[in-house]
Amino acid sequence: MICEKIGRSRLGKTYILRIYDNGKVEITGDFFTTEEDLKRIEEDLKNGKKPENATILGVDLDELFREYQECRKVDK
């Protein structure tokens, strides 16, 4: 694993963002979303893109993307 970020969103939900050596991105936490949206967000992050067209209730996707970028900086 390259990086693990545990945070509390400004909207009040806890999330865990994990980035693995093989590029896989995993997001878990006490938020609400559909399985399809979660997979879409993880795939967007894996490709280095800001998540769009998906929703996680209680988590700001801009905030999550910033955390992802921080993890990638540490990797370099």
C-alpha atoms as a PDB file:
ATOM      1  CA  MET A   1       0.000   0.000   0.000  1.00  0.00           C
ATOM      2  CA  ILE A   2       1.281   3.436  -0.942  1.00  0.00           C
ATOM      3  CA  CYS A   3      -0.999   5.561   1.205  1.00  0.00           C
ATOM      4  CA  GLU A   4      -3.932   5.473   3.589  1.00  0.00           C
ATOM      5  CA  LYS A   5      -5.820   8.613   4.561  1.00  0.00           C
ATOM      6  CA  ILE A   6      -8.451   8.547   7.270  1.00  0.00           C
ATOM      7  CA  GLY A   7     -10.509  11.676   7.512  1.00  0.00           C
ATOM      8  CA  ARG A   8     -13.719  13.296   8.510  1.00  0.00           C
ATOM      9  CA  SER A   9     -15.475  15.142   5.740  1.00  0.00           C
ATOM     10  CA  ARG A  10     -16.620  18.706   6.258  1.00  0.00           C
ATOM     11  CA  LEU A  11     -20.067  17.207   5.807  1.00  0.00           C
ATOM     12  CA  GLY A  12     -19.543  14.993   8.870  1.00  0.00           C
ATOM     13  CA  LYS A  13     -18.824  11.510   7.531  1.00  0.00           C
ATOM     14  CA  THR A  14     -15.710   9.438   8.127  1.00  0.00           C
ATOM     15  CA  TYR A  15     -13.887   8.044   5.100  1.00  0.00           C
ATOM     16  CA  ILE A  16     -10.828   5.893   4.537  1.00  0.00           C
ATOM     17  CA  LEU A  17      -8.959   6.335   1.264  1.00  0.00           C
ATOM     18  CA  ARG A  18      -6.421   3.660   0.353  1.00  0.00           C
ATOM     19  CA  ILE A  19      -4.120   3.676  -2.646  1.00  0.00           C
ATOM     20  CA  TYR A  20      -2.220   0.485  -3.436  1.00  0.00           C
ATOM     21  CA  ASP A  21       1.045  -0.146  -5.277  1.00  0.00           C
ATOM     22  CA  ASN A  22      -0.809  -1.560  -8.293  1.00  0.00           C
ATOM     23  CA  GLY A  23      -2.821   1.674  -8.632  1.00  0.00           C
ATOM     24  CA  LYS A  24      -6.005   0.307  -7.086  1.00  0.00           C
ATOM     25  CA  VAL A  25      -8.039   2.869  -5.129  1.00  0.00           C
ATOM     26  CA  GLU A  26     -10.371   1.829  -2.324  1.00  0.00           C
ATOM     27  CA  ILE A  27     -12.794   4.060  -0.411  1.00  0.00           C
ATOM     28  CA  THR A  28     -14.633   2.923   2.709  1.00  0.00           C
ATOM     29  CA  GLY A  29     -16.392   4.719   5.538  1.00  0.00           C
ATOM     30  CA  ASP A  30     -19.694   5.580   7.180  1.00  0.00           C
ATOM     31  CA  PHE A  31     -21.203   7.271   4.150  1.00  0.00           C
ATOM     32  CA  PHE A  32     -24.051   6.371   1.808  1.00  0.00           C
ATOM     33  CA  THR A  33     -23.718   5.707  -1.919  1.00  0.00           C
ATOM     34  CA  THR A  34     -24.572   3.099  -4.509  1.00  0.00           C
ATOM     35  CA  GLU A  35     -22.123   0.378  -5.440  1.00  0.00           C
ATOM     36  CA  GLU A  36     -22.061   1.753  -8.997  1.00  0.00           C
ATOM     37  CA  ASP A  37     -21.195   5.287  -7.853  1.00  0.00           C
ATOM     38  CA  LEU A  38     -18.496   3.989  -5.512  1.00  0.00           C
ATOM     39  CA  LYS A  39     -16.877   1.964  -8.311  1.00  0.00           C
ATOM     40  CA  ARG A  40     -17.088   4.960 -10.660  1.00  0.00           C
ATOM     41  CA  ILE A  41     -15.404   7.232  -8.088  1.00  0.00           C
ATOM     42  CA  GLU A  42     -12.662   4.698  -7.360  1.00  0.00           C
ATOM     43  CA  GLU A  43     -12.034   4.252 -11.091  1.00  0.00           C
ATOM     44  CA  ASP A  44     -11.899   8.025 -11.701  1.00  0.00           C
ATOM     45  CA  LEU A  45      -9.377   8.445  -8.879  1.00  0.00           C
ATOM     46  CA  LYS A  46      -7.331   5.487 -10.132  1.00  0.00           C
ATOM     47  CA  ASN A  47      -7.085   7.296 -13.475  1.00  0.00           C
ATOM     48  CA  GLY A  48      -6.079  10.542 -11.754  1.00  0.00           C
ATOM     49  CA  LYS A  49      -9.355  12.264 -12.578  1.00  0.00           C
ATOM     50  CA  LYS A  50     -11.631  14.277 -10.324  1.00  0.00           C
ATOM     51  CA  PRO A  51     -14.779  12.192  -9.711  1.00  0.00           C
ATOM     52  CA  GLU A  52     -17.822  13.404 -11.621  1.00  0.00           C
ATOM     53  CA  ASN A  53     -21.292  12.018 -12.296  1.00  0.00           C
ATOM     54  CA  ALA A  54     -21.335  10.174  -8.954  1.00  0.00           C
ATOM     55  CA  THR A  55     -22.355  10.995  -5.409  1.00  0.00           C
ATOM     56  CA  ILE A  56     -21.351   9.995  -1.905  1.00  0.00           C
ATOM     57  CA  LEU A  57     -23.778  11.415   0.631  1.00  0.00           C
ATOM     58  CA  GLY A  58     -21.833  13.115   3.403  1.00  0.00           C
ATOM     59  CA  VAL A  59     -18.497  13.294   1.565  1.00  0.00           C
ATOM     60  CA  ASP A  60     -17.317  16.229  -0.536  1.00  0.00           C
ATOM     61  CA  LEU A  61     -15.754  14.742  -3.681  1.00  0.00           C
ATOM     62  CA  ASP A  62     -13.474  17.778  -4.108  1.00  0.00           C
ATOM     63  CA  GLU A  63     -12.114  17.107  -0.628  1.00  0.00           C
ATOM     64  CA  LEU A  64     -11.643  13.421  -1.431  1.00  0.00           C
ATOM     65  CA  PHE A  65      -9.801  14.305  -4.649  1.00  0.00           C
ATOM     66  CA  ARG A  66      -7.441  16.625  -2.723  1.00  0.00           C
ATOM     67  CA  GLU A  67      -6.657  13.775  -0.319  1.00  0.00           C
ATOM     68  CA  TYR A  68      -5.964  11.517  -3.299  1.00  0.00           C
ATOM     69  CA  GLN A  69      -3.583  14.105  -4.763  1.00  0.00           C
ATOM     70  CA  GLU A  70      -1.762  14.374  -1.412  1.00  0.00           C
ATOM     71  CA  CYS A  71      -1.259  10.605  -1.374  1.00  0.00           C
ATOM     72  CA  ARG A  72       0.119  10.666  -4.907  1.00  0.00           C
ATOM     73  CA  LYS A  73       2.591  13.443  -3.984  1.00  0.00           C
ATOM     74  CA  VAL A  74       3.936  11.295  -1.154  1.00  0.00           C
ATOM     75  CA  ASP A  75       4.423   8.441  -3.618  1.00  0.00           C
ATOM     76  CA  LYS A  76       6.675  10.494  -5.902  1.00  0.00           C
END
